[in-house]
Amino acid sequence: MALGEFDLIARYFQRPGHQLAQRVVLGIGDDCALLQPAQGQQLAVSSDMLVEGRHFFSDVDPMALGHKALAVNLSDLAACGASPLAFTLALALPTADATWLGGFTKGLFALADAHGCDLIGGDTTRGPLNICITVFGQVPSNTALLRSGARAGDEIWVSGTLGDARLALQARLGRIAVPDYALESAQQRLDWPTPRVALGQALRGLASAAIDLSDGLAGDLGHLLRASGVGATLHADAVSGLLACPWMPASERLDHVLSGGDDYELLFTAAPQEHERVLGAARQSGVAVTRIGSIEDQAGLRLTDAQGQPIKAQLSSFDHFL
């Protein structure tokens, strides 16, 4: 039997028996949801859209897609140091496929429950597969991490590893040969990114600026530098070391890290005197961090080798319209 819009919502998204958090005053079922942030907190809000053929392949595992659709939004909350509250989902579907919806919602709600983030509303319609999530978080007033706080002398840090997702994508497109042992882990990073929510919260009052890495290190760092009115120098050895591919020349690893995307790690800056506290925040959050460079007064982004000599590299990033 074909599912209508409201049957689809009731069967797959209303979750009978699921207990909403106290901060959700009213969830799915009315014209608006109602949220009540804790006293002294500000709302943090972000939206991301995933479009079939642009952000994911048509044969992607629907469970992984459900996970990733929410993960990319939680990564934005992490970048401002916010705690997740709730989210809405706008979903266009070619057909109401029960198998696909079952897998998608399983991946979506597993990540949502892991972060205490309730689905509180949205919209469904028929059309090309398109997923748009708006996530709501809360952060103590005047403590949110922003892109605009980096200052000359600050150290530049990144969490986790970079370039793995691009490696998987390039292999899928037949543009690069990747050993089987490396391809499996790279594909995991592409399909199941880990939003660094705990690290973002641990960096409140410690990091001077932050951004999540979705479109590539060079491009996203460029956004932070422009917002802060500063420049930076990156250490090429540290950057290329973020991609653990010993079979790949260092120059190629450097390009993959600088110009990749879909990493969903955090890039942040902190004053040099906070170095040990940054490492402590990383340990507390269970994620490794690496210092990759320094903020400078001179505008622009530069790369140096182990001897401090300038080197040239491709400094590009993903653009949805190019």
C-alpha atoms as a PDB file:
ATOM      1  CA  MET A   1       0.000   0.000   0.000  1.00  0.00           C
ATOM      2  CA  ALA A   2       1.338   3.421  -0.947  1.00  0.00           C
ATOM      3  CA  LEU A   3       2.182   5.731   1.916  1.00  0.00           C
ATOM      4  CA  GLY A   4       0.770   9.260   2.019  1.00  0.00           C
ATOM      5  CA  GLU A   5       2.751  12.167   3.454  1.00  0.00           C
ATOM      6  CA  PHE A   6       1.233  12.053   6.928  1.00  0.00           C
ATOM      7  CA  ASP A   7       1.331   8.269   7.129  1.00  0.00           C
ATOM      8  CA  LEU A   8       5.016   8.460   6.216  1.00  0.00           C
ATOM      9  CA  ILE A   9       5.690  10.984   8.984  1.00  0.00           C
ATOM     10  CA  ALA A  10       3.728   9.013  11.554  1.00  0.00           C
ATOM     11  CA  ARG A  11       5.412   5.704  10.695  1.00  0.00           C
ATOM     12  CA  TYR A  12       9.037   6.807  10.354  1.00  0.00           C
ATOM     13  CA  PHE A  13       9.548  10.111  12.160  1.00  0.00           C
ATOM     14  CA  GLN A  14       7.165  10.477  15.131  1.00  0.00           C
ATOM     15  CA  ARG A  15       8.752   7.650  17.207  1.00  0.00           C
ATOM     16  CA  PRO A  16       5.955   6.509  19.569  1.00  0.00           C
ATOM     17  CA  GLY A  17       7.227   6.037  23.104  1.00  0.00           C
ATOM     18  CA  HIS A  18      10.291   8.213  22.594  1.00  0.00           C
ATOM     19  CA  GLN A  19      10.635  10.638  25.518  1.00  0.00           C
ATOM     20  CA  LEU A  20      11.423  14.182  24.398  1.00  0.00           C
ATOM     21  CA  ALA A  21      13.919  16.190  26.423  1.00  0.00           C
ATOM     22  CA  GLN A  22      12.463  18.740  28.865  1.00  0.00           C
ATOM     23  CA  ARG A  23      13.814  21.606  26.753  1.00  0.00           C
ATOM     24  CA  VAL A  24      11.442  20.530  23.948  1.00  0.00           C
ATOM     25  CA  VAL A  25       8.132  22.057  25.046  1.00  0.00           C
ATOM     26  CA  LEU A  26       6.329  20.927  21.887  1.00  0.00           C
ATOM     27  CA  GLY A  27       7.586  18.641  19.137  1.00  0.00           C
ATOM     28  CA  ILE A  28       6.137  17.162  15.947  1.00  0.00           C
ATOM     29  CA  GLY A  29       2.413  17.622  15.292  1.00  0.00           C
ATOM     30  CA  ASP A  30       1.687  21.356  15.418  1.00  0.00           C
ATOM     31  CA  ASP A  31       2.427  24.337  13.152  1.00  0.00           C
ATOM     32  CA  CYS A  32       5.549  25.183  15.149  1.00  0.00           C
ATOM     33  CA  ALA A  33       7.751  23.364  17.630  1.00  0.00           C
ATOM     34  CA  LEU A  34       8.612  25.076  20.906  1.00  0.00           C
ATOM     35  CA  LEU A  35      12.074  25.038  22.490  1.00  0.00           C
ATOM     36  CA  GLN A  36      13.080  26.344  25.911  1.00  0.00           C
ATOM     37  CA  PRO A  37      16.856  26.932  26.191  1.00  0.00           C
ATOM     38  CA  ALA A  38      18.283  26.911  29.695  1.00  0.00           C
ATOM     39  CA  GLN A  39      18.573  30.219  31.516  1.00  0.00           C
ATOM     40  CA  GLY A  40      21.691  32.158  30.515  1.00  0.00           C
ATOM     41  CA  GLN A  41      22.055  30.284  27.224  1.00  0.00           C
ATOM     42  CA  GLN A  42      21.964  31.577  23.650  1.00  0.00           C
ATOM     43  CA  LEU A  43      20.498  29.623  20.737  1.00  0.00           C
ATOM     44  CA  ALA A  44      22.921  28.392  18.055  1.00  0.00           C
ATOM     45  CA  VAL A  45      21.207  27.565  14.746  1.00  0.00           C
ATOM     46  CA  SER A  46      22.608  26.066  11.535  1.00  0.00           C
ATOM     47  CA  SER A  47      21.211  24.547   8.323  1.00  0.00           C
ATOM     48  CA  ASP A  48      22.813  22.201   5.805  1.00  0.00           C
ATOM     49  CA  MET A  49      21.429  20.656   2.632  1.00  0.00           C
ATOM     50  CA  LEU A  50      22.503  17.388   0.989  1.00  0.00           C
ATOM     51  CA  VAL A  51      21.514  16.902  -2.648  1.00  0.00           C
ATOM     52  CA  GLU A  52      21.714  13.588  -4.506  1.00  0.00           C
ATOM     53  CA  GLY A  53      24.369  13.696  -7.218  1.00  0.00           C
ATOM     54  CA  ARG A  54      26.052  16.699  -5.632  1.00  0.00           C
ATOM     55  CA  HIS A  55      26.793  15.610  -2.068  1.00  0.00           C
ATOM     56  CA  PHE A  56      26.244  11.852  -2.253  1.00  0.00           C
ATOM     57  CA  PHE A  57      25.898   9.035  -4.779  1.00  0.00           C
ATOM     58  CA  SER A  58      22.495   7.514  -5.519  1.00  0.00           C
ATOM     59  CA  ASP A  59      23.596   4.099  -4.235  1.00  0.00           C
ATOM     60  CA  VAL A  60      24.821   5.312  -0.837  1.00  0.00           C
ATOM     61  CA  ASP A  61      23.787   3.229   2.178  1.00  0.00           C
ATOM     62  CA  PRO A  62      20.639   5.005   3.474  1.00  0.00           C
ATOM     63  CA  MET A  63      21.696   4.365   7.082  1.00  0.00           C
ATOM     64  CA  ALA A  64      25.004   6.132   6.458  1.00  0.00           C
ATOM     65  CA  LEU A  65      23.177   8.967   4.706  1.00  0.00           C
ATOM     66  CA  GLY A  66      20.875   9.446   7.681  1.00  0.00           C
ATOM     67  CA  HIS A  67      23.905   9.596   9.969  1.00  0.00           C
ATOM     68  CA  LYS A  68      25.795  12.021   7.761  1.00  0.00           C
ATOM     69  CA  ALA A  69      22.820  14.321   7.183  1.00  0.00           C
ATOM     70  CA  LEU A  70      22.724  15.091  10.910  1.00  0.00           C
ATOM     71  CA  ALA A  71      26.477  14.808  11.513  1.00  0.00           C
ATOM     72  CA  VAL A  72      27.305  17.723   9.206  1.00  0.00           C
ATOM     73  CA  ASN A  73      24.933  19.933  11.188  1.00  0.00           C
ATOM     74  CA  LEU A  74      26.233  18.778  14.562  1.00  0.00           C
ATOM     75  CA  SER A  75      29.717  19.636  13.293  1.00  0.00           C
ATOM     76  CA  ASP A  76      28.573  23.258  12.891  1.00  0.00           C
ATOM     77  CA  LEU A  77      27.374  23.283  16.500  1.00  0.00           C
ATOM     78  CA  ALA A  78      30.724  21.828  17.552  1.00  0.00           C
ATOM     79  CA  ALA A  79      32.543  24.658  15.784  1.00  0.00           C
ATOM     80  CA  CYS A  80      30.793  27.238  17.934  1.00  0.00           C
ATOM     81  CA  GLY A  81      31.062  25.223  21.160  1.00  0.00           C
ATOM     82  CA  ALA A  82      27.323  24.586  21.429  1.00  0.00           C
ATOM     83  CA  SER A  83      25.418  21.675  22.951  1.00  0.00           C
ATOM     84  CA  PRO A  84      22.785  20.068  20.671  1.00  0.00           C
ATOM     85  CA  LEU A  85      19.116  20.666  21.505  1.00  0.00           C
ATOM     86  CA  ALA A  86      16.935  19.577  18.592  1.00  0.00           C
ATOM     87  CA  PHE A  87      16.613  19.582  14.815  1.00  0.00           C
ATOM     88  CA  THR A  88      14.114  19.826  11.983  1.00  0.00           C
ATOM     89  CA  LEU A  89      14.177  17.808   8.760  1.00  0.00           C
ATOM     90  CA  ALA A  90      12.957  18.867   5.319  1.00  0.00           C
ATOM     91  CA  LEU A  91      12.980  15.829   3.042  1.00  0.00           C
ATOM     92  CA  ALA A  92      12.139  15.484  -0.660  1.00  0.00           C
ATOM     93  CA  LEU A  93      11.727  11.865  -1.811  1.00  0.00           C
ATOM     94  CA  PRO A  94      11.208  10.428  -5.300  1.00  0.00           C
ATOM     95  CA  THR A  95       9.085   7.652  -3.735  1.00  0.00           C
ATOM     96  CA  ALA A  96       8.092   6.552  -0.237  1.00  0.00           C
ATOM     97  CA  ASP A  97      10.374   3.508  -0.200  1.00  0.00           C
ATOM     98  CA  ALA A  98       9.939   1.622   3.086  1.00  0.00           C
ATOM     99  CA  THR A  99      13.358  -0.059   2.977  1.00  0.00           C
ATOM    100  CA  TRP A 100      15.157   3.201   2.256  1.00  0.00           C
ATOM    101  CA  LEU A 101      13.226   5.120   4.928  1.00  0.00           C
ATOM    102  CA  GLY A 102      13.874   2.416   7.506  1.00  0.00           C
ATOM    103  CA  GLY A 103      17.621   2.565   6.937  1.00  0.00           C
ATOM    104  CA  PHE A 104      17.739   6.354   6.737  1.00  0.00           C
ATOM    105  CA  THR A 105      15.851   6.897   9.981  1.00  0.00           C
ATOM    106  CA  LYS A 106      17.897   4.227  11.769  1.00  0.00           C
ATOM    107  CA  GLY A 107      21.135   6.072  11.007  1.00  0.00           C
ATOM    108  CA  LEU A 108      19.569   9.471  11.684  1.00  0.00           C
ATOM    109  CA  PHE A 109      18.085   8.621  15.072  1.00  0.00           C
ATOM    110  CA  ALA A 110      21.088   6.631  16.284  1.00  0.00           C
ATOM    111  CA  LEU A 111      23.254   9.758  16.021  1.00  0.00           C
ATOM    112  CA  ALA A 112      20.472  12.004  17.307  1.00  0.00           C
ATOM    113  CA  ASP A 113      20.021   9.868  20.415  1.00  0.00           C
ATOM    114  CA  ALA A 114      23.776   9.727  21.005  1.00  0.00           C
ATOM    115  CA  HIS A 115      23.785  13.531  21.276  1.00  0.00           C
ATOM    116  CA  GLY A 116      20.399  14.009  22.982  1.00  0.00           C
ATOM    117  CA  CYS A 117      19.101  15.872  19.935  1.00  0.00           C
ATOM    118  CA  ASP A 118      15.361  15.438  19.236  1.00  0.00           C
ATOM    119  CA  LEU A 119      13.609  15.718  15.865  1.00  0.00           C
ATOM    120  CA  ILE A 120      10.915  18.366  16.436  1.00  0.00           C
ATOM    121  CA  GLY A 121       9.428  19.008  12.980  1.00  0.00           C
ATOM    122  CA  GLY A 122      10.067  19.698   9.322  1.00  0.00           C
ATOM    123  CA  ASP A 123       8.451  18.907   5.990  1.00  0.00           C
ATOM    124  CA  THR A 124       8.197  16.104   3.429  1.00  0.00           C
ATOM    125  CA  THR A 125       7.396  16.320  -0.253  1.00  0.00           C
ATOM    126  CA  ARG A 126       7.819  14.369  -3.479  1.00  0.00           C
ATOM    127  CA  GLY A 127      10.767  15.287  -5.662  1.00  0.00           C
ATOM    128  CA  PRO A 128      14.465  14.582  -6.357  1.00  0.00           C
ATOM    129  CA  LEU A 129      16.177  13.271  -3.216  1.00  0.00           C
ATOM    130  CA  ASN A 130      17.106  16.288  -1.130  1.00  0.00           C
ATOM    131  CA  ILE A 131      17.769  16.437   2.623  1.00  0.00           C
ATOM    132  CA  CYS A 132      17.844  19.694   4.572  1.00  0.00           C
ATOM    133  CA  ILE A 133      18.364  19.727   8.336  1.00  0.00           C
ATOM    134  CA  THR A 134      18.260  22.726  10.636  1.00  0.00           C
ATOM    135  CA  VAL A 135      19.862  22.069  13.998  1.00  0.00           C
ATOM    136  CA  PHE A 136      19.407  24.023  17.215  1.00  0.00           C
ATOM    137  CA  GLY A 137      21.923  24.161  20.033  1.00  0.00           C
ATOM    138  CA  GLN A 138      22.613  26.203  23.111  1.00  0.00           C
ATOM    139  CA  VAL A 139      25.783  27.849  24.358  1.00  0.00           C
ATOM    140  CA  PRO A 140      26.344  29.961  27.495  1.00  0.00           C
ATOM    141  CA  SER A 141      25.814  33.618  26.638  1.00  0.00           C
ATOM    142  CA  ASN A 142      28.856  35.351  25.136  1.00  0.00           C
ATOM    143  CA  THR A 143      31.003  32.198  25.078  1.00  0.00           C
ATOM    144  CA  ALA A 144      30.319  30.933  21.531  1.00  0.00           C
ATOM    145  CA  LEU A 145      33.382  30.178  19.417  1.00  0.00           C
ATOM    146  CA  LEU A 146      33.441  32.392  16.313  1.00  0.00           C
ATOM    147  CA  ARG A 147      35.531  32.634  13.162  1.00  0.00           C
ATOM    148  CA  SER A 148      36.487  36.221  13.944  1.00  0.00           C
ATOM    149  CA  GLY A 149      38.653  35.908  17.067  1.00  0.00           C
ATOM    150  CA  ALA A 150      42.056  34.749  15.748  1.00  0.00           C
ATOM    151  CA  ARG A 151      44.981  37.045  16.597  1.00  0.00           C
ATOM    152  CA  ALA A 152      48.606  37.258  15.451  1.00  0.00           C
ATOM    153  CA  GLY A 153      50.745  34.789  17.389  1.00  0.00           C
ATOM    154  CA  ASP A 154      47.943  32.276  17.923  1.00  0.00           C
ATOM    155  CA  GLU A 155      48.674  28.633  17.174  1.00  0.00           C
ATOM    156  CA  ILE A 156      46.572  26.857  14.538  1.00  0.00           C
ATOM    157  CA  TRP A 157      45.224  23.408  15.438  1.00  0.00           C
ATOM    158  CA  VAL A 158      43.109  20.741  13.769  1.00  0.00           C
ATOM    159  CA  SER A 159      41.377  17.714  15.259  1.00  0.00           C
ATOM    160  CA  GLY A 160      41.661  14.168  13.965  1.00  0.00           C
ATOM    161  CA  THR A 161      42.944  13.414  10.477  1.00  0.00           C
ATOM    162  CA  LEU A 162      42.227  15.122   7.161  1.00  0.00           C
ATOM    163  CA  GLY A 163      42.065  14.063   3.531  1.00  0.00           C
ATOM    164  CA  ASP A 164      40.574  10.586   4.057  1.00  0.00           C
ATOM    165  CA  ALA A 165      37.144  11.491   2.666  1.00  0.00           C
ATOM    166  CA  ARG A 166      38.670  12.983  -0.471  1.00  0.00           C
ATOM    167  CA  LEU A 167      40.765   9.844  -0.870  1.00  0.00           C
ATOM    168  CA  ALA A 168      37.615   7.705  -0.845  1.00  0.00           C
ATOM    169  CA  LEU A 169      35.847  10.004  -3.281  1.00  0.00           C
ATOM    170  CA  GLN A 170      38.753  10.069  -5.725  1.00  0.00           C
ATOM    171  CA  ALA A 171      38.958   6.280  -5.585  1.00  0.00           C
ATOM    172  CA  ARG A 172      35.204   5.977  -6.230  1.00  0.00           C
ATOM    173  CA  LEU A 173      35.572   8.244  -9.290  1.00  0.00           C
ATOM    174  CA  GLY A 174      38.477   6.149 -10.585  1.00  0.00           C
ATOM    175  CA  ARG A 175      40.957   9.007 -10.349  1.00  0.00           C
ATOM    176  CA  ILE A 176      43.351   7.332  -7.943  1.00  0.00           C
ATOM    177  CA  ALA A 177      44.306   3.793  -6.930  1.00  0.00           C
ATOM    178  CA  VAL A 178      44.010   3.224  -3.193  1.00  0.00           C
ATOM    179  CA  PRO A 179      45.164   0.015  -1.439  1.00  0.00           C
ATOM    180  CA  ASP A 180      42.274  -2.007  -0.026  1.00  0.00           C
ATOM    181  CA  TYR A 181      43.509  -1.629   3.562  1.00  0.00           C
ATOM    182  CA  ALA A 182      43.405   2.156   3.241  1.00  0.00           C
ATOM    183  CA  LEU A 183      40.214   2.386   1.210  1.00  0.00           C
ATOM    184  CA  GLU A 184      37.985   0.830   3.865  1.00  0.00           C
ATOM    185  CA  SER A 185      38.943   3.344   6.562  1.00  0.00           C
ATOM    186  CA  ALA A 186      38.793   6.247   4.092  1.00  0.00           C
ATOM    187  CA  GLN A 187      35.287   5.213   3.011  1.00  0.00           C
ATOM    188  CA  GLN A 188      34.252   5.067   6.661  1.00  0.00           C
ATOM    189  CA  ARG A 189      35.406   8.667   7.126  1.00  0.00           C
ATOM    190  CA  LEU A 190      33.467   9.781   4.032  1.00  0.00           C
ATOM    191  CA  ASP A 191      30.212   8.008   4.912  1.00  0.00           C
ATOM    192  CA  TRP A 192      30.231   8.169   8.730  1.00  0.00           C
ATOM    193  CA  PRO A 193      31.859  11.450   9.847  1.00  0.00           C
ATOM    194  CA  THR A 194      32.223  12.072  13.583  1.00  0.00           C
ATOM    195  CA  PRO A 195      31.073  15.520  14.744  1.00  0.00           C
ATOM    196  CA  ARG A 196      33.506  16.811  17.393  1.00  0.00           C
ATOM    197  CA  VAL A 197      30.811  18.115  19.724  1.00  0.00           C
ATOM    198  CA  ALA A 198      32.638  17.342  22.986  1.00  0.00           C
ATOM    199  CA  LEU A 199      35.838  18.999  21.783  1.00  0.00           C
ATOM    200  CA  GLY A 200      33.975  22.119  20.729  1.00  0.00           C
ATOM    201  CA  GLN A 201      32.470  22.467  24.187  1.00  0.00           C
ATOM    202  CA  ALA A 202      35.854  21.836  25.840  1.00  0.00           C
ATOM    203  CA  LEU A 203      37.374  24.663  23.776  1.00  0.00           C
ATOM    204  CA  ARG A 204      34.983  27.330  25.068  1.00  0.00           C
ATOM    205  CA  GLY A 205      37.019  30.028  26.786  1.00  0.00           C
ATOM    206  CA  LEU A 206      40.182  28.471  25.385  1.00  0.00           C
ATOM    207  CA  ALA A 207      40.114  28.736  21.586  1.00  0.00           C
ATOM    208  CA  SER A 208      40.191  32.225  20.095  1.00  0.00           C
ATOM    209  CA  ALA A 209      38.428  31.185  16.857  1.00  0.00           C
ATOM    210  CA  ALA A 210      37.072  28.012  15.272  1.00  0.00           C
ATOM    211  CA  ILE A 211      35.484  26.624  12.119  1.00  0.00           C
ATOM    212  CA  ASP A 212      34.465  23.141  11.010  1.00  0.00           C
ATOM    213  CA  LEU A 213      36.242  21.648   7.996  1.00  0.00           C
ATOM    214  CA  SER A 214      33.677  20.788   5.347  1.00  0.00           C
ATOM    215  CA  ASP A 215      35.098  22.251   2.111  1.00  0.00           C
ATOM    216  CA  GLY A 216      38.835  21.689   2.597  1.00  0.00           C
ATOM    217  CA  LEU A 217      41.526  22.996   4.925  1.00  0.00           C
ATOM    218  CA  ALA A 218      42.775  25.800   2.677  1.00  0.00           C
ATOM    219  CA  GLY A 219      39.348  27.168   1.888  1.00  0.00           C
ATOM    220  CA  ASP A 220      37.880  26.912   5.375  1.00  0.00           C
ATOM    221  CA  LEU A 221      40.997  28.370   7.005  1.00  0.00           C
ATOM    222  CA  GLY A 222      40.699  31.189   4.471  1.00  0.00           C
ATOM    223  CA  HIS A 223      37.188  31.945   5.772  1.00  0.00           C
ATOM    224  CA  LEU A 224      38.515  32.168   9.327  1.00  0.00           C
ATOM    225  CA  LEU A 225      41.449  34.388   8.298  1.00  0.00           C
ATOM    226  CA  ARG A 226      39.187  36.837   6.458  1.00  0.00           C
ATOM    227  CA  ALA A 227      36.704  36.988   9.334  1.00  0.00           C
ATOM    228  CA  SER A 228      39.554  37.686  11.776  1.00  0.00           C
ATOM    229  CA  GLY A 229      41.451  40.101   9.509  1.00  0.00           C
ATOM    230  CA  VAL A 230      44.716  38.132   9.775  1.00  0.00           C
ATOM    231  CA  GLY A 231      46.956  35.779   7.778  1.00  0.00           C
ATOM    232  CA  ALA A 232      48.701  32.489   8.529  1.00  0.00           C
ATOM    233  CA  THR A 233      51.646  30.246   7.811  1.00  0.00           C
ATOM    234  CA  LEU A 234      51.163  26.482   7.761  1.00  0.00           C
ATOM    235  CA  HIS A 235      53.908  23.898   8.263  1.00  0.00           C
ATOM    236  CA  ALA A 236      53.741  21.609   5.222  1.00  0.00           C
ATOM    237  CA  ASP A 237      55.144  18.589   7.073  1.00  0.00           C
ATOM    238  CA  ALA A 238      52.501  18.836   9.783  1.00  0.00           C
ATOM    239  CA  VAL A 239      49.726  19.289   7.218  1.00  0.00           C
ATOM    240  CA  SER A 240      50.755  16.368   4.996  1.00  0.00           C
ATOM    241  CA  GLY A 241      51.151  14.211   8.123  1.00  0.00           C
ATOM    242  CA  LEU A 242      47.417  14.531   8.788  1.00  0.00           C
ATOM    243  CA  LEU A 243      46.780  11.943   6.068  1.00  0.00           C
ATOM    244  CA  ALA A 244      48.229   8.540   7.005  1.00  0.00           C
ATOM    245  CA  CYS A 245      49.060   7.204   3.526  1.00  0.00           C
ATOM    246  CA  PRO A 246      52.747   6.144   3.475  1.00  0.00           C
ATOM    247  CA  TRP A 247      52.349   4.875  -0.101  1.00  0.00           C
ATOM    248  CA  MET A 248      51.480   8.381  -1.325  1.00  0.00           C
ATOM    249  CA  PRO A 249      54.199  11.022  -1.946  1.00  0.00           C
ATOM    250  CA  ALA A 250      54.218  13.845   0.611  1.00  0.00           C
ATOM    251  CA  SER A 251      53.340  16.427  -2.054  1.00  0.00           C
ATOM    252  CA  GLU A 252      50.200  14.496  -2.997  1.00  0.00           C
ATOM    253  CA  ARG A 253      49.211  14.052   0.641  1.00  0.00           C
ATOM    254  CA  LEU A 254      49.615  17.800   1.094  1.00  0.00           C
ATOM    255  CA  ASP A 255      47.264  18.487  -1.813  1.00  0.00           C
ATOM    256  CA  HIS A 256      44.668  16.007  -0.541  1.00  0.00           C
ATOM    257  CA  VAL A 257      44.625  17.618   2.888  1.00  0.00           C
ATOM    258  CA  LEU A 258      44.604  21.228   1.684  1.00  0.00           C
ATOM    259  CA  SER A 259      42.006  20.812  -1.051  1.00  0.00           C
ATOM    260  CA  GLY A 260      39.863  17.932   0.201  1.00  0.00           C
ATOM    261  CA  GLY A 261      36.493  18.151   1.859  1.00  0.00           C
ATOM    262  CA  ASP A 262      33.931  16.259   3.946  1.00  0.00           C
ATOM    263  CA  ASP A 263      36.375  15.967   6.858  1.00  0.00           C
ATOM    264  CA  TYR A 264      34.081  17.537   9.488  1.00  0.00           C
ATOM    265  CA  GLU A 265      36.952  18.029  11.877  1.00  0.00           C
ATOM    266  CA  LEU A 266      37.538  21.251  13.820  1.00  0.00           C
ATOM    267  CA  LEU A 267      40.124  23.854  12.922  1.00  0.00           C
ATOM    268  CA  PHE A 268      40.763  26.318  15.730  1.00  0.00           C
ATOM    269  CA  THR A 269      43.254  28.842  17.021  1.00  0.00           C
ATOM    270  CA  ALA A 270      44.519  29.462  20.539  1.00  0.00           C
ATOM    271  CA  ALA A 271      47.152  31.623  22.192  1.00  0.00           C
ATOM    272  CA  PRO A 272      50.569  29.919  22.630  1.00  0.00           C
ATOM    273  CA  GLN A 273      50.277  30.042  26.414  1.00  0.00           C
ATOM    274  CA  GLU A 274      47.174  27.831  26.117  1.00  0.00           C
ATOM    275  CA  HIS A 275      49.131  25.035  24.386  1.00  0.00           C
ATOM    276  CA  GLU A 276      48.971  22.562  27.272  1.00  0.00           C
ATOM    277  CA  ARG A 277      45.343  23.366  28.007  1.00  0.00           C
ATOM    278  CA  VAL A 278      44.472  22.652  24.371  1.00  0.00           C
ATOM    279  CA  LEU A 279      46.122  19.240  24.651  1.00  0.00           C
ATOM    280  CA  GLY A 280      44.217  18.639  27.879  1.00  0.00           C
ATOM    281  CA  ALA A 281      40.903  19.546  26.232  1.00  0.00           C
ATOM    282  CA  ALA A 282      41.695  17.104  23.436  1.00  0.00           C
ATOM    283  CA  ARG A 283      42.450  14.304  25.895  1.00  0.00           C
ATOM    284  CA  GLN A 284      39.256  15.070  27.798  1.00  0.00           C
ATOM    285  CA  SER A 285      37.287  14.846  24.541  1.00  0.00           C
ATOM    286  CA  GLY A 286      38.971  11.673  23.326  1.00  0.00           C
ATOM    287  CA  VAL A 287      40.248  13.119  20.051  1.00  0.00           C
ATOM    288  CA  ALA A 288      43.796  13.896  18.912  1.00  0.00           C
ATOM    289  CA  VAL A 289      44.734  17.430  17.856  1.00  0.00           C
ATOM    290  CA  THR A 290      47.723  18.625  15.832  1.00  0.00           C
ATOM    291  CA  ARG A 291      49.325  22.042  15.695  1.00  0.00           C
ATOM    292  CA  ILE A 292      49.832  22.913  12.007  1.00  0.00           C
ATOM    293  CA  GLY A 293      50.861  26.572  11.937  1.00  0.00           C
ATOM    294  CA  SER A 294      50.554  30.094  13.316  1.00  0.00           C
ATOM    295  CA  ILE A 295      48.425  33.183  12.824  1.00  0.00           C
ATOM    296  CA  GLU A 296      50.225  36.289  11.529  1.00  0.00           C
ATOM    297  CA  ASP A 297      49.413  39.966  10.922  1.00  0.00           C
ATOM    298  CA  GLN A 298      50.276  39.715   7.214  1.00  0.00           C
ATOM    299  CA  ALA A 299      47.188  38.798   5.194  1.00  0.00           C
ATOM    300  CA  GLY A 300      47.133  35.624   3.102  1.00  0.00           C
ATOM    301  CA  LEU A 301      47.977  31.957   3.589  1.00  0.00           C
ATOM    302  CA  ARG A 302      51.555  30.691   3.259  1.00  0.00           C
ATOM    303  CA  LEU A 303      53.270  27.287   3.444  1.00  0.00           C
ATOM    304  CA  THR A 304      56.774  26.527   4.691  1.00  0.00           C
ATOM    305  CA  ASP A 305      58.939  23.408   4.670  1.00  0.00           C
ATOM    306  CA  ALA A 306      60.815  21.883   7.617  1.00  0.00           C
ATOM    307  CA  GLN A 307      63.555  24.505   7.247  1.00  0.00           C
ATOM    308  CA  GLY A 308      61.073  27.364   7.278  1.00  0.00           C
ATOM    309  CA  GLN A 309      61.458  28.047   3.551  1.00  0.00           C
ATOM    310  CA  PRO A 310      58.347  29.014   1.549  1.00  0.00           C
ATOM    311  CA  ILE A 311      56.911  26.383  -0.776  1.00  0.00           C
ATOM    312  CA  LYS A 312      54.182  26.479  -3.407  1.00  0.00           C
ATOM    313  CA  ALA A 313      51.070  24.341  -3.234  1.00  0.00           C
ATOM    314  CA  GLN A 314      47.548  24.291  -4.617  1.00  0.00           C
ATOM    315  CA  LEU A 315      45.337  26.290  -2.239  1.00  0.00           C
ATOM    316  CA  SER A 316      41.807  25.580  -3.426  1.00  0.00           C
ATOM    317  CA  SER A 317      38.613  24.261  -1.898  1.00  0.00           C
ATOM    318  CA  PHE A 318      35.210  22.889  -2.833  1.00  0.00           C
ATOM    319  CA  ASP A 319      32.693  25.336  -4.349  1.00  0.00           C
ATOM    320  CA  HIS A 320      29.069  24.301  -4.962  1.00  0.00           C
ATOM    321  CA  PHE A 321      28.844  26.448  -8.102  1.00  0.00           C
ATOM    322  CA  LEU A 322      32.165  25.589  -9.776  1.00  0.00           C
END
